[in-house]
Amino acid sequence: MPSPASIAFESEDGTSSAPLTAQVIAPSPGDIAGVGGLFSVDISLQARTRAANALLSGYTSFFNDPNAKTFHPGPDPAAPGLVVLLSTTPTVANTPLQGPNTNLAGVFQVNDVTRTNGLVRTFNSWIVSKAGFFGSGVPATLTVYAVNGTAPAVVTGNEQPISNVVRETFTIAGGSAPAPPSYSHR
């Protein structure tokens, strides 16, 4: 399979001409995420024009309970065109985890849609509670973009992004959470 790095939707000068803008809010480049044992991945898609709002018409506010049947790697029921790849995703036989090309959007728990100045914007958040499962103490690259319609469960490299493609490199923390400070009363 092609690597997520082979997907692009940018002009020659590096600017996006896509109708949607993808943004990674957290983790930031260079962050060490999961120092406390878990971390969140927060992303947003925004229509660049009022006409592009239609591309986000199937996006809804939704809490994707980790115990629900809708919670699994693959497309997100509240953000159907969202693609989220993590370079450290393992391949696990007989599961939806098929390595770094696995779309993890379906494990995002909190999904919200807003409208600001006439433009639709989504916010999607994944609380990664098993950070070590996705690597520990190693660099990871998060790749985020949107496609029209329903995103694939596993990226093939033939996808046509309708947003810019964002890649953020960060480190998934290793070890355990730091000890809380101790206080003494005198």
N, C-alpha and C. Protein backbone atom coordinates (compact mmCIF):
# COMPACT_ATOMS: atom_id res chain seq x y z
N MET A 1 0.83 -1.18 0.00
CA MET A 1 0.00 0.00 0.00
C MET A 1 0.88 1.25 0.00
N PRO A 2 0.37 2.31 -0.58
CA PRO A 2 1.15 3.55 -0.59
C PRO A 2 1.21 4.14 0.81
N SER A 3 2.24 4.91 1.05
CA SER A 3 2.35 5.57 2.34
C SER A 3 1.45 6.79 2.36
N PRO A 4 0.99 7.22 3.55
CA PRO A 4 0.18 8.42 3.64
C PRO A 4 0.90 9.63 3.05
N ALA A 5 2.22 9.62 3.02
CA ALA A 5 2.98 10.75 2.49
C ALA A 5 2.76 10.92 0.99
N SER A 6 2.25 9.89 0.30
CA SER A 6 2.06 10.00 -1.14
C SER A 6 0.79 10.75 -1.50
N ILE A 7 -0.03 11.12 -0.51
CA ILE A 7 -1.28 11.83 -0.76
C ILE A 7 -1.02 13.32 -0.65
N ALA A 8 -1.44 14.07 -1.64
CA ALA A 8 -1.23 15.52 -1.60
C ALA A 8 -2.36 16.22 -2.32
N PHE A 9 -2.64 17.45 -1.93
CA PHE A 9 -3.61 18.30 -2.60
C PHE A 9 -3.15 19.72 -2.41
N GLU A 10 -2.04 20.06 -3.01
CA GLU A 10 -1.47 21.38 -2.85
C GLU A 10 -0.96 21.88 -4.18
N SER A 11 -0.94 23.19 -4.33
CA SER A 11 -0.40 23.78 -5.54
C SER A 11 1.12 23.75 -5.47
N GLU A 12 1.76 24.16 -6.55
CA GLU A 12 3.22 24.12 -6.60
C GLU A 12 3.87 25.01 -5.55
N ASP A 13 3.20 26.09 -5.14
CA ASP A 13 3.80 26.97 -4.13
C ASP A 13 3.50 26.52 -2.71
N GLY A 14 2.87 25.33 -2.56
CA GLY A 14 2.63 24.78 -1.23
C GLY A 14 1.33 25.23 -0.59
N THR A 15 0.55 26.09 -1.26
CA THR A 15 -0.72 26.51 -0.68
C THR A 15 -1.83 25.61 -1.19
N SER A 16 -2.85 25.46 -0.41
CA SER A 16 -3.95 24.60 -0.77
C SER A 16 -4.98 25.36 -1.59
N SER A 17 -5.51 24.71 -2.60
CA SER A 17 -6.59 25.28 -3.39
C SER A 17 -7.88 24.51 -3.12
N ALA A 18 -7.89 23.70 -2.08
CA ALA A 18 -9.03 22.86 -1.74
C ALA A 18 -10.18 23.68 -1.16
N PRO A 19 -11.42 23.21 -1.30
CA PRO A 19 -12.56 23.94 -0.76
C PRO A 19 -12.68 23.88 0.76
N LEU A 20 -12.01 22.90 1.41
CA LEU A 20 -12.03 22.80 2.87
C LEU A 20 -10.62 22.98 3.41
N THR A 21 -10.53 23.49 4.63
CA THR A 21 -9.26 23.61 5.32
C THR A 21 -9.25 22.62 6.47
N ALA A 22 -8.23 21.77 6.53
CA ALA A 22 -8.03 20.85 7.65
C ALA A 22 -7.00 21.47 8.58
N GLN A 23 -7.22 21.27 9.88
CA GLN A 23 -6.29 21.81 10.88
C GLN A 23 -6.14 20.81 12.01
N VAL A 24 -4.91 20.58 12.44
CA VAL A 24 -4.65 19.78 13.63
C VAL A 24 -4.46 20.77 14.78
N ILE A 25 -5.33 20.67 15.79
CA ILE A 25 -5.25 21.56 16.95
C ILE A 25 -4.30 20.97 17.99
N ALA A 26 -4.36 19.67 18.18
CA ALA A 26 -3.47 18.96 19.10
C ALA A 26 -3.32 17.54 18.61
N PRO A 27 -2.15 16.98 18.73
CA PRO A 27 -0.93 17.54 19.29
C PRO A 27 -0.27 18.50 18.31
N SER A 28 0.55 19.37 18.84
CA SER A 28 1.30 20.32 18.02
C SER A 28 2.61 19.68 17.58
N PRO A 29 3.21 20.22 16.51
CA PRO A 29 4.48 19.66 16.05
C PRO A 29 5.51 19.65 17.18
N GLY A 30 6.18 18.53 17.35
CA GLY A 30 7.22 18.41 18.36
C GLY A 30 6.74 18.08 19.75
N ASP A 31 5.41 18.05 19.97
CA ASP A 31 4.88 17.72 21.29
C ASP A 31 5.28 16.32 21.72
N ILE A 32 5.33 16.12 23.03
CA ILE A 32 5.40 14.78 23.61
C ILE A 32 4.01 14.56 24.20
N ALA A 33 3.21 13.78 23.51
CA ALA A 33 1.82 13.58 23.89
C ALA A 33 1.68 12.32 24.74
N GLY A 34 0.84 12.38 25.73
CA GLY A 34 0.58 11.22 26.57
C GLY A 34 1.46 11.13 27.78
N VAL A 35 2.05 12.23 28.21
CA VAL A 35 2.91 12.22 29.39
C VAL A 35 2.13 11.75 30.61
N GLY A 36 0.85 12.09 30.66
CA GLY A 36 0.00 11.67 31.78
C GLY A 36 -0.66 10.32 31.57
N GLY A 37 -0.28 9.60 30.52
CA GLY A 37 -0.84 8.28 30.27
C GLY A 37 -1.84 8.25 29.13
N LEU A 38 -2.47 9.37 28.82
CA LEU A 38 -3.36 9.45 27.67
C LEU A 38 -3.21 10.81 27.05
N PHE A 39 -3.68 10.95 25.82
CA PHE A 39 -3.61 12.25 25.15
C PHE A 39 -4.80 12.39 24.22
N SER A 40 -5.00 13.60 23.72
CA SER A 40 -6.10 13.81 22.78
C SER A 40 -5.55 14.24 21.43
N VAL A 41 -6.28 13.86 20.42
CA VAL A 41 -6.03 14.32 19.06
C VAL A 41 -7.25 15.15 18.71
N ASP A 42 -7.03 16.44 18.45
CA ASP A 42 -8.11 17.37 18.15
C ASP A 42 -7.88 17.97 16.78
N ILE A 43 -8.90 17.86 15.93
CA ILE A 43 -8.77 18.36 14.57
C ILE A 43 -10.02 19.14 14.19
N SER A 44 -9.90 19.89 13.11
CA SER A 44 -11.02 20.68 12.63
C SER A 44 -10.99 20.74 11.11
N LEU A 45 -12.17 20.75 10.53
CA LEU A 45 -12.34 21.01 9.10
C LEU A 45 -13.17 22.27 8.98
N GLN A 46 -12.86 23.13 8.02
CA GLN A 46 -13.65 24.35 7.84
C GLN A 46 -13.86 24.61 6.36
N ALA A 47 -15.10 24.96 6.02
CA ALA A 47 -15.40 25.38 4.66
C ALA A 47 -14.70 26.70 4.39
N ARG A 48 -14.10 26.83 3.23
CA ARG A 48 -13.41 28.08 2.89
C ARG A 48 -14.37 29.10 2.28
N THR A 49 -15.48 28.62 1.71
CA THR A 49 -16.49 29.50 1.12
C THR A 49 -17.87 28.98 1.52
N ARG A 50 -18.88 29.81 1.36
CA ARG A 50 -20.25 29.36 1.66
C ARG A 50 -20.66 28.20 0.77
N ALA A 51 -20.22 28.20 -0.47
CA ALA A 51 -20.53 27.09 -1.37
C ALA A 51 -19.93 25.78 -0.86
N ALA A 52 -18.77 25.85 -0.21
CA ALA A 52 -18.11 24.64 0.31
C ALA A 52 -18.81 24.09 1.54
N ASN A 53 -19.72 24.86 2.16
CA ASN A 53 -20.49 24.34 3.30
C ASN A 53 -21.19 23.03 2.95
N ALA A 54 -21.63 22.89 1.71
CA ALA A 54 -22.33 21.68 1.28
C ALA A 54 -21.48 20.43 1.43
N LEU A 55 -20.16 20.58 1.34
CA LEU A 55 -19.26 19.43 1.50
C LEU A 55 -19.24 18.90 2.93
N LEU A 56 -19.72 19.71 3.88
CA LEU A 56 -19.78 19.29 5.28
C LEU A 56 -21.22 19.03 5.73
N SER A 57 -22.15 18.90 4.78
CA SER A 57 -23.57 18.75 5.14
C SER A 57 -23.88 17.44 5.87
N GLY A 58 -23.10 16.39 5.69
CA GLY A 58 -23.34 15.13 6.40
C GLY A 58 -22.68 15.05 7.76
N TYR A 59 -21.98 16.09 8.16
CA TYR A 59 -21.27 16.12 9.44
C TYR A 59 -22.26 16.55 10.53
N THR A 60 -22.23 15.87 11.68
CA THR A 60 -23.18 16.15 12.75
C THR A 60 -22.48 16.16 14.10
N SER A 61 -23.15 16.75 15.07
CA SER A 61 -22.67 16.68 16.45
C SER A 61 -23.05 15.31 16.98
N PHE A 62 -22.09 14.66 17.66
CA PHE A 62 -22.33 13.27 18.05
C PHE A 62 -21.27 12.85 19.05
N PHE A 63 -21.69 12.15 20.10
CA PHE A 63 -20.74 11.52 21.01
C PHE A 63 -20.65 10.06 20.62
N ASN A 64 -19.49 9.63 20.17
CA ASN A 64 -19.26 8.25 19.75
C ASN A 64 -18.72 7.49 20.95
N ASP A 65 -19.63 6.89 21.70
CA ASP A 65 -19.28 6.17 22.92
C ASP A 65 -18.33 5.02 22.60
N PRO A 66 -17.20 4.91 23.30
CA PRO A 66 -16.25 3.82 23.04
C PRO A 66 -16.87 2.43 23.20
N ASN A 67 -18.03 2.31 23.83
CA ASN A 67 -18.69 1.01 23.97
C ASN A 67 -19.72 0.77 22.87
N ALA A 68 -19.92 1.74 21.97
CA ALA A 68 -20.93 1.62 20.92
C ALA A 68 -20.37 0.87 19.71
N LYS A 69 -21.26 0.29 18.92
CA LYS A 69 -20.86 -0.41 17.70
C LYS A 69 -20.27 0.52 16.66
N THR A 70 -20.57 1.82 16.76
CA THR A 70 -20.05 2.81 15.81
C THR A 70 -18.60 3.18 16.09
N PHE A 71 -18.08 2.79 17.25
CA PHE A 71 -16.72 3.14 17.66
C PHE A 71 -15.75 2.08 17.15
N HIS A 72 -15.06 2.38 16.06
CA HIS A 72 -14.06 1.45 15.49
C HIS A 72 -13.28 2.18 14.41
N PRO A 73 -12.07 1.69 14.08
CA PRO A 73 -11.34 2.28 12.97
C PRO A 73 -12.18 2.23 11.70
N GLY A 74 -12.03 3.24 10.89
CA GLY A 74 -12.82 3.37 9.67
C GLY A 74 -13.47 4.74 9.65
N PRO A 75 -14.47 4.94 8.79
CA PRO A 75 -15.11 6.25 8.72
C PRO A 75 -15.83 6.60 10.02
N ASP A 76 -15.90 7.89 10.31
CA ASP A 76 -16.60 8.40 11.50
C ASP A 76 -18.06 8.65 11.12
N PRO A 77 -19.03 8.09 11.86
CA PRO A 77 -20.43 8.30 11.51
C PRO A 77 -20.85 9.77 11.57
N ALA A 78 -20.14 10.60 12.33
CA ALA A 78 -20.48 12.02 12.44
C ALA A 78 -19.64 12.89 11.52
N ALA A 79 -18.60 12.35 10.94
CA ALA A 79 -17.70 13.08 10.04
C ALA A 79 -17.31 12.12 8.91
N PRO A 80 -18.25 11.82 8.02
CA PRO A 80 -18.05 10.72 7.07
C PRO A 80 -16.86 10.84 6.13
N GLY A 81 -16.44 12.05 5.77
CA GLY A 81 -15.33 12.19 4.84
C GLY A 81 -13.98 12.40 5.48
N LEU A 82 -13.92 12.35 6.80
CA LEU A 82 -12.69 12.61 7.53
C LEU A 82 -11.74 11.42 7.44
N VAL A 83 -10.46 11.71 7.14
CA VAL A 83 -9.42 10.69 7.11
C VAL A 83 -8.37 11.10 8.13
N VAL A 84 -8.05 10.19 9.06
CA VAL A 84 -7.04 10.43 10.09
C VAL A 84 -6.13 9.20 10.14
N LEU A 85 -4.87 9.42 9.84
CA LEU A 85 -3.89 8.33 9.82
C LEU A 85 -2.81 8.60 10.86
N LEU A 86 -2.35 7.56 11.52
CA LEU A 86 -1.26 7.67 12.48
C LEU A 86 -0.18 6.68 12.07
N SER A 87 1.03 7.18 11.86
CA SER A 87 2.11 6.36 11.31
C SER A 87 2.47 5.17 12.18
N THR A 88 2.15 5.21 13.46
CA THR A 88 2.51 4.13 14.38
C THR A 88 1.39 3.10 14.57
N THR A 89 0.32 3.21 13.80
CA THR A 89 -0.78 2.25 13.93
C THR A 89 -0.29 0.86 13.55
N PRO A 90 -0.49 -0.11 14.43
CA PRO A 90 -0.01 -1.47 14.13
C PRO A 90 -0.96 -2.21 13.20
N THR A 91 -0.46 -3.28 12.64
CA THR A 91 -1.32 -4.24 11.94
C THR A 91 -1.62 -5.34 12.93
N VAL A 92 -2.89 -5.57 13.16
CA VAL A 92 -3.31 -6.61 14.10
C VAL A 92 -4.24 -7.56 13.34
N ALA A 93 -3.83 -8.81 13.20
CA ALA A 93 -4.59 -9.80 12.44
C ALA A 93 -6.03 -9.89 12.95
N ASN A 94 -6.93 -10.05 12.02
CA ASN A 94 -8.36 -10.25 12.31
C ASN A 94 -9.00 -9.05 13.02
N THR A 95 -8.46 -7.85 12.79
CA THR A 95 -9.05 -6.62 13.34
C THR A 95 -9.04 -5.57 12.23
N PRO A 96 -9.74 -4.45 12.45
CA PRO A 96 -9.69 -3.36 11.47
C PRO A 96 -8.34 -2.64 11.43
N LEU A 97 -7.44 -2.90 12.38
CA LEU A 97 -6.15 -2.21 12.41
C LEU A 97 -5.22 -2.84 11.37
N GLN A 98 -5.03 -2.12 10.28
CA GLN A 98 -4.24 -2.62 9.17
C GLN A 98 -3.03 -1.73 8.89
N GLY A 99 -2.38 -1.28 9.98
CA GLY A 99 -1.17 -0.50 9.84
C GLY A 99 -1.43 0.98 9.64
N PRO A 100 -0.40 1.72 9.24
CA PRO A 100 -0.47 3.18 9.15
C PRO A 100 -1.49 3.74 8.17
N ASN A 101 -2.01 2.91 7.25
CA ASN A 101 -3.01 3.38 6.31
C ASN A 101 -4.44 3.16 6.82
N THR A 102 -4.58 2.74 8.08
CA THR A 102 -5.89 2.57 8.69
C THR A 102 -6.47 3.93 9.04
N ASN A 103 -7.68 4.19 8.58
CA ASN A 103 -8.36 5.44 8.91
C ASN A 103 -8.89 5.32 10.34
N LEU A 104 -8.39 6.17 11.23
CA LEU A 104 -8.78 6.14 12.64
C LEU A 104 -9.90 7.10 12.99
N ALA A 105 -10.52 7.74 12.00
CA ALA A 105 -11.57 8.73 12.27
C ALA A 105 -12.72 8.13 13.07
N GLY A 106 -13.03 6.86 12.90
CA GLY A 106 -14.15 6.23 13.59
C GLY A 106 -13.96 6.06 15.08
N VAL A 107 -12.76 6.35 15.60
CA VAL A 107 -12.54 6.26 17.05
C VAL A 107 -12.57 7.64 17.70
N PHE A 108 -12.92 8.67 16.93
CA PHE A 108 -13.07 10.00 17.51
C PHE A 108 -14.38 10.03 18.28
N GLN A 109 -14.31 10.38 19.58
CA GLN A 109 -15.48 10.33 20.44
C GLN A 109 -16.35 11.57 20.36
N VAL A 110 -15.75 12.76 20.37
CA VAL A 110 -16.52 13.99 20.43
C VAL A 110 -16.47 14.66 19.06
N ASN A 111 -17.64 14.88 18.49
CA ASN A 111 -17.77 15.50 17.18
C ASN A 111 -18.74 16.66 17.30
N ASP A 112 -18.38 17.82 16.79
CA ASP A 112 -19.21 19.01 16.90
C ASP A 112 -19.16 19.77 15.59
N VAL A 113 -20.24 20.49 15.31
CA VAL A 113 -20.33 21.30 14.10
C VAL A 113 -20.78 22.69 14.51
N THR A 114 -20.10 23.71 14.01
CA THR A 114 -20.47 25.10 14.30
C THR A 114 -20.57 25.86 12.99
N ARG A 115 -21.13 27.04 13.08
CA ARG A 115 -21.18 27.95 11.93
C ARG A 115 -20.70 29.31 12.43
N THR A 116 -19.67 29.84 11.80
CA THR A 116 -19.12 31.13 12.15
C THR A 116 -19.01 31.97 10.88
N ASN A 117 -19.57 33.16 10.92
CA ASN A 117 -19.54 34.05 9.75
C ASN A 117 -20.02 33.35 8.49
N GLY A 118 -21.03 32.49 8.65
CA GLY A 118 -21.62 31.80 7.52
C GLY A 118 -20.87 30.57 7.04
N LEU A 119 -19.75 30.23 7.68
CA LEU A 119 -18.96 29.07 7.26
C LEU A 119 -19.08 27.94 8.27
N VAL A 120 -19.25 26.72 7.78
CA VAL A 120 -19.37 25.55 8.64
C VAL A 120 -17.98 25.09 9.05
N ARG A 121 -17.86 24.71 10.32
CA ARG A 121 -16.60 24.20 10.86
C ARG A 121 -16.90 23.01 11.75
N THR A 122 -16.07 21.99 11.65
CA THR A 122 -16.23 20.81 12.51
C THR A 122 -15.08 20.76 13.51
N PHE A 123 -15.36 20.14 14.65
CA PHE A 123 -14.33 19.86 15.65
C PHE A 123 -14.48 18.39 16.00
N ASN A 124 -13.39 17.66 15.96
CA ASN A 124 -13.41 16.23 16.22
C ASN A 124 -12.29 15.91 17.19
N SER A 125 -12.62 15.13 18.22
CA SER A 125 -11.64 14.85 19.27
C SER A 125 -11.61 13.36 19.61
N TRP A 126 -10.39 12.87 19.76
CA TRP A 126 -10.16 11.47 20.13
C TRP A 126 -9.31 11.47 21.38
N ILE A 127 -9.81 10.88 22.44
CA ILE A 127 -9.04 10.71 23.67
C ILE A 127 -8.34 9.36 23.54
N VAL A 128 -7.03 9.37 23.37
CA VAL A 128 -6.26 8.14 23.17
C VAL A 128 -5.92 7.59 24.55
N SER A 129 -6.67 6.58 24.97
CA SER A 129 -6.48 6.04 26.32
C SER A 129 -5.48 4.90 26.36
N LYS A 130 -5.13 4.35 25.22
CA LYS A 130 -4.15 3.27 25.16
C LYS A 130 -2.99 3.74 24.30
N ALA A 131 -2.37 4.82 24.75
CA ALA A 131 -1.30 5.46 23.97
C ALA A 131 -0.19 4.48 23.62
N GLY A 132 0.19 3.61 24.53
CA GLY A 132 1.27 2.66 24.29
C GLY A 132 0.97 1.70 23.16
N PHE A 133 -0.31 1.48 22.87
CA PHE A 133 -0.71 0.60 21.78
C PHE A 133 -0.24 1.16 20.43
N PHE A 134 -0.12 2.48 20.35
CA PHE A 134 0.27 3.13 19.11
C PHE A 134 1.74 3.53 19.09
N GLY A 135 2.54 2.92 19.93
CA GLY A 135 3.96 3.23 20.00
C GLY A 135 4.24 3.96 21.30
N SER A 136 5.45 3.91 21.74
CA SER A 136 5.80 4.55 22.99
C SER A 136 7.22 5.08 22.88
N GLY A 137 7.37 6.39 23.09
CA GLY A 137 8.68 7.01 23.02
C GLY A 137 9.23 7.12 21.62
N VAL A 138 8.37 7.01 20.62
CA VAL A 138 8.80 7.08 19.23
C VAL A 138 8.10 8.21 18.50
N PRO A 139 8.74 8.77 17.49
CA PRO A 139 8.07 9.79 16.70
C PRO A 139 6.87 9.19 15.96
N ALA A 140 5.82 9.97 15.87
CA ALA A 140 4.62 9.56 15.15
C ALA A 140 4.20 10.71 14.25
N THR A 141 3.66 10.38 13.09
CA THR A 141 3.14 11.40 12.19
C THR A 141 1.64 11.20 12.05
N LEU A 142 0.91 12.27 12.32
CA LEU A 142 -0.53 12.30 12.18
C LEU A 142 -0.84 12.95 10.84
N THR A 143 -1.63 12.30 10.00
CA THR A 143 -2.02 12.84 8.70
C THR A 143 -3.53 13.01 8.70
N VAL A 144 -4.00 14.20 8.33
CA VAL A 144 -5.43 14.52 8.38
C VAL A 144 -5.84 15.20 7.08
N TYR A 145 -6.97 14.77 6.52
CA TYR A 145 -7.57 15.45 5.37
C TYR A 145 -9.01 14.97 5.23
N ALA A 146 -9.74 15.56 4.30
CA ALA A 146 -11.13 15.18 4.04
C ALA A 146 -11.27 14.74 2.60
N VAL A 147 -12.20 13.80 2.38
CA VAL A 147 -12.57 13.38 1.03
C VAL A 147 -14.07 13.61 0.88
N ASN A 148 -14.54 13.68 -0.34
CA ASN A 148 -15.96 13.84 -0.60
C ASN A 148 -16.65 12.50 -0.41
N GLY A 149 -17.81 12.50 0.23
CA GLY A 149 -18.52 11.25 0.48
C GLY A 149 -17.99 10.57 1.72
N THR A 150 -17.99 9.25 1.69
CA THR A 150 -17.53 8.47 2.85
C THR A 150 -16.08 8.05 2.68
N ALA A 151 -15.29 8.33 3.69
CA ALA A 151 -13.87 7.98 3.67
C ALA A 151 -13.70 6.46 3.74
N PRO A 152 -12.59 5.97 3.22
CA PRO A 152 -12.34 4.53 3.29
C PRO A 152 -11.87 4.11 4.68
N ALA A 153 -12.02 2.84 4.97
CA ALA A 153 -11.51 2.29 6.23
C ALA A 153 -9.99 2.17 6.18
N VAL A 154 -9.47 1.87 5.00
CA VAL A 154 -8.02 1.77 4.79
C VAL A 154 -7.68 2.59 3.54
N VAL A 155 -6.76 3.51 3.67
CA VAL A 155 -6.36 4.39 2.58
C VAL A 155 -5.55 3.61 1.55
N THR A 156 -5.87 3.82 0.28
CA THR A 156 -5.17 3.13 -0.80
C THR A 156 -4.18 4.03 -1.54
N GLY A 157 -4.32 5.34 -1.39
CA GLY A 157 -3.50 6.28 -2.14
C GLY A 157 -4.23 6.83 -3.35
N ASN A 158 -5.42 6.30 -3.63
CA ASN A 158 -6.22 6.77 -4.77
C ASN A 158 -7.26 7.81 -4.34
N GLU A 159 -7.26 8.19 -3.08
CA GLU A 159 -8.24 9.13 -2.58
C GLU A 159 -7.99 10.51 -3.18
N GLN A 160 -9.06 11.27 -3.33
CA GLN A 160 -8.97 12.63 -3.85
C GLN A 160 -9.34 13.59 -2.72
N PRO A 161 -8.38 14.15 -2.01
CA PRO A 161 -8.69 15.07 -0.92
C PRO A 161 -9.44 16.30 -1.40
N ILE A 162 -10.38 16.77 -0.56
CA ILE A 162 -11.09 18.03 -0.82
C ILE A 162 -10.68 19.07 0.22
N SER A 163 -9.58 18.78 0.90
CA SER A 163 -8.99 19.71 1.86
C SER A 163 -7.48 19.65 1.68
N ASN A 164 -6.79 20.56 2.36
CA ASN A 164 -5.34 20.42 2.43
C ASN A 164 -5.02 19.15 3.20
N VAL A 165 -3.82 18.65 3.04
CA VAL A 165 -3.36 17.46 3.77
C VAL A 165 -2.39 17.96 4.84
N VAL A 166 -2.73 17.71 6.11
CA VAL A 166 -1.91 18.17 7.23
C VAL A 166 -1.13 16.99 7.79
N ARG A 167 0.15 17.20 8.02
CA ARG A 167 1.00 16.19 8.67
C ARG A 167 1.67 16.84 9.87
N GLU A 168 1.43 16.29 11.04
CA GLU A 168 2.05 16.78 12.28
C GLU A 168 2.88 15.65 12.86
N THR A 169 4.14 15.93 13.16
CA THR A 169 5.01 14.94 13.79
C THR A 169 5.16 15.29 15.26
N PHE A 170 4.95 14.29 16.10
CA PHE A 170 5.04 14.44 17.55
C PHE A 170 5.55 13.12 18.10
N THR A 171 5.76 13.06 19.40
CA THR A 171 6.22 11.82 20.04
C THR A 171 5.15 11.34 21.00
N ILE A 172 4.87 10.06 20.95
CA ILE A 172 3.96 9.45 21.93
C ILE A 172 4.82 9.10 23.13
N ALA A 173 4.46 9.65 24.28
CA ALA A 173 5.27 9.49 25.49
C ALA A 173 5.40 8.03 25.88
N GLY A 174 6.54 7.71 26.45
CA GLY A 174 6.76 6.38 26.99
C GLY A 174 6.72 6.42 28.49
N GLY A 175 6.63 5.29 29.11
CA GLY A 175 6.66 5.23 30.57
C GLY A 175 5.34 5.61 31.20
N SER A 176 5.38 5.87 32.47
CA SER A 176 4.16 6.15 33.21
C SER A 176 4.04 7.65 33.48
N ALA A 177 2.92 7.99 34.04
CA ALA A 177 2.65 9.39 34.36
C ALA A 177 3.60 9.88 35.44
N PRO A 178 3.96 11.16 35.40
CA PRO A 178 4.82 11.68 36.45
C PRO A 178 4.10 11.67 37.79
N ALA A 179 4.86 11.52 38.86
CA ALA A 179 4.27 11.51 40.20
C ALA A 179 3.73 12.90 40.52
N PRO A 180 2.56 12.95 41.18
CA PRO A 180 2.02 14.25 41.56
C PRO A 180 2.90 14.89 42.62
N PRO A 181 2.89 16.21 42.71
CA PRO A 181 3.72 16.87 43.72
C PRO A 181 3.20 16.53 45.12
N SER A 182 4.11 16.48 46.05
CA SER A 182 3.68 16.22 47.43
C SER A 182 3.69 17.53 48.20
N TYR A 183 2.78 17.68 49.12
CA TYR A 183 2.66 18.89 49.90
C TYR A 183 2.69 18.54 51.36
N SER A 184 3.29 19.35 52.16
CA SER A 184 3.24 19.14 53.59
C SER A 184 2.70 20.41 54.24
N HIS A 185 1.90 20.22 55.22
CA HIS A 185 1.31 21.35 55.95
C HIS A 185 2.05 21.49 57.27
N ARG A 186 2.48 22.66 57.59
CA ARG A 186 3.19 22.88 58.85
C ARG A 186 2.41 23.79 59.72
